[in-house]
Amino acid sequence: MTNFKNIFNTSENQYAHYVFNKGFGTISKNGTFVYDYVSNKPVIQEGNYQTLDSLGRAISQNAYQDFLDK
C-alpha cells in the first residue's frame, strides 16, 4: 500500500479519490477500491474497502451532477 499524508489535515480518516477513463478509485491507509464501469464490477478490493466503495460512488455521482449542472 502507498504511504501518503496530507500534512495540512490531521484527521486519521484521509483518502484519495481519482477518476480514470471508464472508472474510479478510492484509497486510504486502510484499503483500496477500484471500480470499472465497462465490466460493471470492482477490479481491486483490498483491506477495508467497503466504506471506500460507497464513498467513491458518492464522490463520482456528485462530481458528475456538478458537471451536468454547469
PDB file of N, CA and C in Angstrom:
ATOM      1  N   MET A   1       0.846  -1.174   0.000  1.00  0.00           N
ATOM      2  CA  MET A   1       0.000   0.000   0.000  1.00  0.00           C
ATOM      3  C   MET A   1       0.891   1.238   0.000  1.00  0.00           C
ATOM      4  N   THR A   2       0.433   2.251  -0.653  1.00  0.00           N
ATOM      5  CA  THR A   2       1.168   3.501  -0.756  1.00  0.00           C
ATOM      6  C   THR A   2       1.009   4.299   0.529  1.00  0.00           C
ATOM      7  N   ASN A   3       2.089   4.883   1.011  1.00  0.00           N
ATOM      8  CA  ASN A   3       2.029   5.768   2.170  1.00  0.00           C
ATOM      9  C   ASN A   3       1.861   7.190   1.684  1.00  0.00           C
ATOM     10  N   PHE A   4       0.810   7.852   2.124  1.00  0.00           N
ATOM     11  CA  PHE A   4       0.573   9.242   1.756  1.00  0.00           C
ATOM     12  C   PHE A   4      -0.051   9.949   2.945  1.00  0.00           C
ATOM     13  N   LYS A   5       0.158  11.236   3.025  1.00  0.00           N
ATOM     14  CA  LYS A   5      -0.421  12.024   4.110  1.00  0.00           C
ATOM     15  C   LYS A   5      -0.497  13.479   3.695  1.00  0.00           C
ATOM     16  N   ASN A   6      -1.636  14.072   3.913  1.00  0.00           N
ATOM     17  CA  ASN A   6      -1.817  15.498   3.716  1.00  0.00           C
ATOM     18  C   ASN A   6      -1.339  16.177   4.996  1.00  0.00           C
ATOM     19  N   ILE A   7      -0.255  16.898   4.917  1.00  0.00           N
ATOM     20  CA  ILE A   7       0.323  17.495   6.122  1.00  0.00           C
ATOM     21  C   ILE A   7      -0.547  18.595   6.728  1.00  0.00           C
ATOM     22  N   PHE A   8      -1.530  19.093   5.976  1.00  0.00           N
ATOM     23  CA  PHE A   8      -2.408  20.145   6.475  1.00  0.00           C
ATOM     24  C   PHE A   8      -3.680  19.581   7.107  1.00  0.00           C
ATOM     25  N   ASN A   9      -3.884  18.281   7.030  1.00  0.00           N
ATOM     26  CA  ASN A   9      -5.064  17.635   7.586  1.00  0.00           C
ATOM     27  C   ASN A   9      -4.607  16.641   8.648  1.00  0.00           C
ATOM     28  N   THR A  10      -4.994  16.849   9.882  1.00  0.00           N
ATOM     29  CA  THR A  10      -4.565  15.972  10.964  1.00  0.00           C
ATOM     30  C   THR A  10      -5.526  14.817  11.217  1.00  0.00           C
ATOM     31  N   SER A  11      -6.599  14.726  10.460  1.00  0.00           N
ATOM     32  CA  SER A  11      -7.563  13.648  10.629  1.00  0.00           C
ATOM     33  C   SER A  11      -6.939  12.301  10.267  1.00  0.00           C
ATOM     34  N   GLU A  12      -7.367  11.268  10.956  1.00  0.00           N
ATOM     35  CA  GLU A  12      -6.923   9.915  10.644  1.00  0.00           C
ATOM     36  C   GLU A  12      -7.708   9.326   9.470  1.00  0.00           C
ATOM     37  N   ASN A  13      -8.808   9.961   9.070  1.00  0.00           N
ATOM     38  CA  ASN A  13      -9.681   9.448   8.011  1.00  0.00           C
ATOM     39  C   ASN A  13      -9.378  10.087   6.656  1.00  0.00           C
ATOM     40  N   GLN A  14      -8.138  10.063   6.242  1.00  0.00           N
ATOM     41  CA  GLN A  14      -7.763  10.647   4.961  1.00  0.00           C
ATOM     42  C   GLN A  14      -7.956   9.627   3.849  1.00  0.00           C
ATOM     43  N   TYR A  15      -8.267  10.130   2.661  1.00  0.00           N
ATOM     44  CA  TYR A  15      -8.428   9.268   1.500  1.00  0.00           C
ATOM     45  C   TYR A  15      -8.040  10.041   0.253  1.00  0.00           C
ATOM     46  N   ALA A  16      -7.842   9.308  -0.815  1.00  0.00           N
ATOM     47  CA  ALA A  16      -7.600   9.911  -2.128  1.00  0.00           C
ATOM     48  C   ALA A  16      -8.588   9.284  -3.099  1.00  0.00           C
ATOM     49  N   HIS A  17      -9.193  10.113  -3.916  1.00  0.00           N
ATOM     50  CA  HIS A  17     -10.163   9.642  -4.910  1.00  0.00           C
ATOM     51  C   HIS A  17      -9.666  10.072  -6.283  1.00  0.00           C
ATOM     52  N   TYR A  18      -9.752   9.179  -7.250  1.00  0.00           N
ATOM     53  CA  TYR A  18      -9.349   9.531  -8.608  1.00  0.00           C
ATOM     54  C   TYR A  18     -10.308   8.910  -9.607  1.00  0.00           C
ATOM     55  N   VAL A  19     -10.398   9.534 -10.752  1.00  0.00           N
ATOM     56  CA  VAL A  19     -11.268   9.071 -11.829  1.00  0.00           C
ATOM     57  C   VAL A  19     -10.397   8.795 -13.039  1.00  0.00           C
ATOM     58  N   PHE A  20     -10.662   7.695 -13.699  1.00  0.00           N
ATOM     59  CA  PHE A  20      -9.964   7.379 -14.939  1.00  0.00           C
ATOM     60  C   PHE A  20     -11.003   7.068 -16.004  1.00  0.00           C
ATOM     61  N   ASN A  21     -10.557   6.894 -17.230  1.00  0.00           N
ATOM     62  CA  ASN A  21     -11.466   6.611 -18.331  1.00  0.00           C
ATOM     63  C   ASN A  21     -12.267   5.349 -18.024  1.00  0.00           C
ATOM     64  N   LYS A  22     -13.556   5.512 -17.782  1.00  0.00           N
ATOM     65  CA  LYS A  22     -14.486   4.412 -17.510  1.00  0.00           C
ATOM     66  C   LYS A  22     -14.334   3.787 -16.130  1.00  0.00           C
ATOM     67  N   GLY A  23     -13.990   4.589 -15.122  1.00  0.00           N
ATOM     68  CA  GLY A  23     -13.924   4.037 -13.776  1.00  0.00           C
ATOM     69  C   GLY A  23     -13.443   5.034 -12.744  1.00  0.00           C
ATOM     70  N   PHE A  24     -13.296   4.570 -11.504  1.00  0.00           N
ATOM     71  CA  PHE A  24     -12.789   5.405 -10.428  1.00  0.00           C
ATOM     72  C   PHE A  24     -12.074   4.531  -9.400  1.00  0.00           C
ATOM     73  N   GLY A  25     -11.285   5.186  -8.557  1.00  0.00           N
ATOM     74  CA  GLY A  25     -10.605   4.501  -7.467  1.00  0.00           C
ATOM     75  C   GLY A  25     -10.602   5.373  -6.229  1.00  0.00           C
ATOM     76  N   THR A  26     -10.675   4.740  -5.084  1.00  0.00           N
ATOM     77  CA  THR A  26     -10.594   5.435  -3.813  1.00  0.00           C
ATOM     78  C   THR A  26      -9.658   4.636  -2.920  1.00  0.00           C
ATOM     79  N   ILE A  27      -8.689   5.324  -2.326  1.00  0.00           N
ATOM     80  CA  ILE A  27      -7.726   4.640  -1.471  1.00  0.00           C
ATOM     81  C   ILE A  27      -7.588   5.363  -0.144  1.00  0.00           C
ATOM     82  N   SER A  28      -7.278   4.610   0.868  1.00  0.00           N
ATOM     83  CA  SER A  28      -6.971   5.152   2.191  1.00  0.00           C
ATOM     84  C   SER A  28      -5.873   4.287   2.789  1.00  0.00           C
ATOM     85  N   LYS A  29      -5.465   4.617   3.991  1.00  0.00           N
ATOM     86  CA  LYS A  29      -4.433   3.798   4.621  1.00  0.00           C
ATOM     87  C   LYS A  29      -4.976   2.425   5.013  1.00  0.00           C
ATOM     88  N   ASN A  30      -6.301   2.281   5.029  1.00  0.00           N
ATOM     89  CA  ASN A  30      -6.915   1.021   5.431  1.00  0.00           C
ATOM     90  C   ASN A  30      -7.364   0.138   4.276  1.00  0.00           C
ATOM     91  N   GLY A  31      -7.393   0.667   3.053  1.00  0.00           N
ATOM     92  CA  GLY A  31      -7.865  -0.151   1.946  1.00  0.00           C
ATOM     93  C   GLY A  31      -7.832   0.559   0.618  1.00  0.00           C
ATOM     94  N   THR A  32      -8.177  -0.217  -0.412  1.00  0.00           N
ATOM     95  CA  THR A  32      -8.203   0.278  -1.787  1.00  0.00           C
ATOM     96  C   THR A  32      -9.437  -0.284  -2.480  1.00  0.00           C
ATOM     97  N   PHE A  33     -10.123   0.575  -3.247  1.00  0.00           N
ATOM     98  CA  PHE A  33     -11.271   0.134  -4.034  1.00  0.00           C
ATOM     99  C   PHE A  33     -11.182   0.784  -5.407  1.00  0.00           C
ATOM    100  N   VAL A  34     -11.167  -0.024  -6.456  1.00  0.00           N
ATOM    101  CA  VAL A  34     -11.137   0.467  -7.832  1.00  0.00           C
ATOM    102  C   VAL A  34     -12.290  -0.194  -8.583  1.00  0.00           C
ATOM    103  N   TYR A  35     -13.100   0.622  -9.259  1.00  0.00           N
ATOM    104  CA  TYR A  35     -14.289   0.137  -9.964  1.00  0.00           C
ATOM    105  C   TYR A  35     -14.185   0.457 -11.446  1.00  0.00           C
ATOM    106  N   ASP A  36     -14.549  -0.522 -12.269  1.00  0.00           N
ATOM    107  CA  ASP A  36     -14.506  -0.384 -13.728  1.00  0.00           C
ATOM    108  C   ASP A  36     -15.934  -0.335 -14.265  1.00  0.00           C
ATOM    109  N   TYR A  37     -16.303   0.761 -14.937  1.00  0.00           N
ATOM    110  CA  TYR A  37     -17.650   0.902 -15.479  1.00  0.00           C
ATOM    111  C   TYR A  37     -17.902  -0.030 -16.666  1.00  0.00           C
ATOM    112  N   VAL A  38     -16.869  -0.380 -17.410  1.00  0.00           N
ATOM    113  CA  VAL A  38     -17.038  -1.236 -18.592  1.00  0.00           C
ATOM    114  C   VAL A  38     -17.456  -2.643 -18.182  1.00  0.00           C
ATOM    115  N   SER A  39     -16.729  -3.228 -17.240  1.00  0.00           N
ATOM    116  CA  SER A  39     -17.075  -4.575 -16.783  1.00  0.00           C
ATOM    117  C   SER A  39     -18.172  -4.547 -15.720  1.00  0.00           C
ATOM    118  N   ASN A  40     -18.488  -3.349 -15.233  1.00  0.00           N
ATOM    119  CA  ASN A  40     -19.531  -3.145 -14.228  1.00  0.00           C
ATOM    120  C   ASN A  40     -19.252  -3.924 -12.940  1.00  0.00           C
ATOM    121  N   LYS A  41     -17.962  -3.929 -12.548  1.00  0.00           N
ATOM    122  CA  LYS A  41     -17.587  -4.614 -11.314  1.00  0.00           C
ATOM    123  C   LYS A  41     -16.283  -4.055 -10.773  1.00  0.00           C
ATOM    124  N   PRO A  42     -16.029  -4.290  -9.502  1.00  0.00           N
ATOM    125  CA  PRO A  42     -14.755  -3.859  -8.910  1.00  0.00           C
ATOM    126  C   PRO A  42     -13.592  -4.652  -9.501  1.00  0.00           C
ATOM    127  N   VAL A  43     -12.466  -3.992  -9.708  1.00  0.00           N
ATOM    128  CA  VAL A  43     -11.283  -4.678 -10.203  1.00  0.00           C
ATOM    129  C   VAL A  43     -10.222  -4.817  -9.109  1.00  0.00           C
ATOM    130  N   ILE A  44     -10.289  -3.986  -8.077  1.00  0.00           N
ATOM    131  CA  ILE A  44      -9.398  -4.119  -6.924  1.00  0.00           C
ATOM    132  C   ILE A  44     -10.214  -3.868  -5.663  1.00  0.00           C
ATOM    133  N   GLN A  45     -10.120  -4.790  -4.719  1.00  0.00           N
ATOM    134  CA  GLN A  45     -10.744  -4.654  -3.405  1.00  0.00           C
ATOM    135  C   GLN A  45      -9.733  -5.165  -2.392  1.00  0.00           C
ATOM    136  N   GLU A  46      -9.103  -4.268  -1.682  1.00  0.00           N
ATOM    137  CA  GLU A  46      -8.088  -4.655  -0.714  1.00  0.00           C
ATOM    138  C   GLU A  46      -8.358  -4.006   0.630  1.00  0.00           C
ATOM    139  N   GLY A  47      -8.081  -4.727   1.688  1.00  0.00           N
ATOM    140  CA  GLY A  47      -8.238  -4.187   3.034  1.00  0.00           C
ATOM    141  C   GLY A  47      -9.688  -3.906   3.355  1.00  0.00           C
ATOM    142  N   ASN A  48      -9.911  -2.843   4.101  1.00  0.00           N
ATOM    143  CA  ASN A  48     -11.261  -2.437   4.488  1.00  0.00           C
ATOM    144  C   ASN A  48     -11.828  -1.526   3.394  1.00  0.00           C
ATOM    145  N   TYR A  49     -12.313  -2.124   2.335  1.00  0.00           N
ATOM    146  CA  TYR A  49     -12.733  -1.374   1.155  1.00  0.00           C
ATOM    147  C   TYR A  49     -14.221  -1.026   1.137  1.00  0.00           C
ATOM    148  N   GLN A  50     -15.033  -1.613   2.021  1.00  0.00           N
ATOM    149  CA  GLN A  50     -16.483  -1.425   1.945  1.00  0.00           C
ATOM    150  C   GLN A  50     -16.887   0.041   2.046  1.00  0.00           C
ATOM    151  N   THR A  51     -16.305   0.783   2.956  1.00  0.00           N
ATOM    152  CA  THR A  51     -16.660   2.198   3.075  1.00  0.00           C
ATOM    153  C   THR A  51     -16.114   2.995   1.890  1.00  0.00           C
ATOM    154  N   LEU A  52     -14.993   2.549   1.322  1.00  0.00           N
ATOM    155  CA  LEU A  52     -14.428   3.246   0.170  1.00  0.00           C
ATOM    156  C   LEU A  52     -15.291   3.059  -1.067  1.00  0.00           C
ATOM    157  N   ASP A  53     -15.981   1.920  -1.167  1.00  0.00           N
ATOM    158  CA  ASP A  53     -16.900   1.663  -2.273  1.00  0.00           C
ATOM    159  C   ASP A  53     -17.998   2.724  -2.295  1.00  0.00           C
ATOM    160  N   SER A  54     -18.701   2.879  -1.181  1.00  0.00           N
ATOM    161  CA  SER A  54     -19.807   3.844  -1.146  1.00  0.00           C
ATOM    162  C   SER A  54     -19.304   5.282  -1.219  1.00  0.00           C
ATOM    163  N   LEU A  55     -18.156   5.570  -0.603  1.00  0.00           N
ATOM    164  CA  LEU A  55     -17.578   6.914  -0.678  1.00  0.00           C
ATOM    165  C   LEU A  55     -17.202   7.263  -2.112  1.00  0.00           C
ATOM    166  N   GLY A  56     -16.549   6.353  -2.801  1.00  0.00           N
ATOM    167  CA  GLY A  56     -16.140   6.586  -4.184  1.00  0.00           C
ATOM    168  C   GLY A  56     -17.323   6.794  -5.119  1.00  0.00           C
ATOM    169  N   ARG A  57     -18.360   5.995  -4.938  1.00  0.00           N
ATOM    170  CA  ARG A  57     -19.571   6.151  -5.758  1.00  0.00           C
ATOM    171  C   ARG A  57     -20.235   7.500  -5.505  1.00  0.00           C
ATOM    172  N   ALA A  58     -20.295   7.907  -4.236  1.00  0.00           N
ATOM    173  CA  ALA A  58     -20.918   9.188  -3.889  1.00  0.00           C
ATOM    174  C   ALA A  58     -20.133  10.361  -4.464  1.00  0.00           C
ATOM    175  N   ILE A  59     -18.809  10.323  -4.358  1.00  0.00           N
ATOM    176  CA  ILE A  59     -17.986  11.400  -4.902  1.00  0.00           C
ATOM    177  C   ILE A  59     -18.141  11.477  -6.413  1.00  0.00           C
ATOM    178  N   SER A  60     -18.115  10.328  -7.084  1.00  0.00           N
ATOM    179  CA  SER A  60     -18.252  10.308  -8.542  1.00  0.00           C
ATOM    180  C   SER A  60     -19.615  10.827  -8.981  1.00  0.00           C
ATOM    181  N   GLN A  61     -20.657  10.416  -8.273  1.00  0.00           N
ATOM    182  CA  GLN A  61     -22.006  10.866  -8.609  1.00  0.00           C
ATOM    183  C   GLN A  61     -22.138  12.379  -8.398  1.00  0.00           C
ATOM    184  N   ASN A  62     -21.592  12.881  -7.311  1.00  0.00           N
ATOM    185  CA  ASN A  62     -21.654  14.308  -7.014  1.00  0.00           C
ATOM    186  C   ASN A  62     -20.883  15.117  -8.063  1.00  0.00           C
ATOM    187  N   ALA A  63     -19.713  14.635  -8.452  1.00  0.00           N
ATOM    188  CA  ALA A  63     -18.914  15.341  -9.460  1.00  0.00           C
ATOM    189  C   ALA A  63     -19.628  15.347 -10.817  1.00  0.00           C
ATOM    190  N   TYR A  64     -20.248  14.228 -11.169  1.00  0.00           N
ATOM    191  CA  TYR A  64     -20.963  14.157 -12.444  1.00  0.00           C
ATOM    192  C   TYR A  64     -22.174  15.091 -12.435  1.00  0.00           C
ATOM    193  N   GLN A  65     -22.894  15.124 -11.314  1.00  0.00           N
ATOM    194  CA  GLN A  65     -24.035  16.024 -11.230  1.00  0.00           C
ATOM    195  C   GLN A  65     -23.596  17.483 -11.317  1.00  0.00           C
ATOM    196  N   ASP A  66     -22.480  17.817 -10.696  1.00  0.00           N
ATOM    197  CA  ASP A  66     -21.937  19.168 -10.784  1.00  0.00           C
ATOM    198  C   ASP A  66     -21.603  19.513 -12.241  1.00  0.00           C
ATOM    199  N   PHE A  67     -21.024  18.566 -12.972  1.00  0.00           N
ATOM    200  CA  PHE A  67     -20.729  18.770 -14.383  1.00  0.00           C
ATOM    201  C   PHE A  67     -22.005  19.031 -15.180  1.00  0.00           C
ATOM    202  N   LEU A  68     -23.055  18.257 -14.922  1.00  0.00           N
ATOM    203  CA  LEU A  68     -24.317  18.415 -15.647  1.00  0.00           C
ATOM    204  C   LEU A  68     -24.977  19.762 -15.345  1.00  0.00           C
ATOM    205  N   ASP A  69     -24.812  20.243 -14.117  1.00  0.00           N
ATOM    206  CA  ASP A  69     -25.447  21.484 -13.702  1.00  0.00           C
ATOM    207  C   ASP A  69     -24.793  22.734 -14.286  1.00  0.00           C
ATOM    208  N   LYS A  70     -23.622  22.617 -14.822  1.00  0.00           N
ATOM    209  CA  LYS A  70     -22.906  23.801 -15.318  1.00  0.00           C
ATOM    210  C   LYS A  70     -23.278  24.134 -16.730  1.00  0.00           C
TER     211      LYS A  70
END
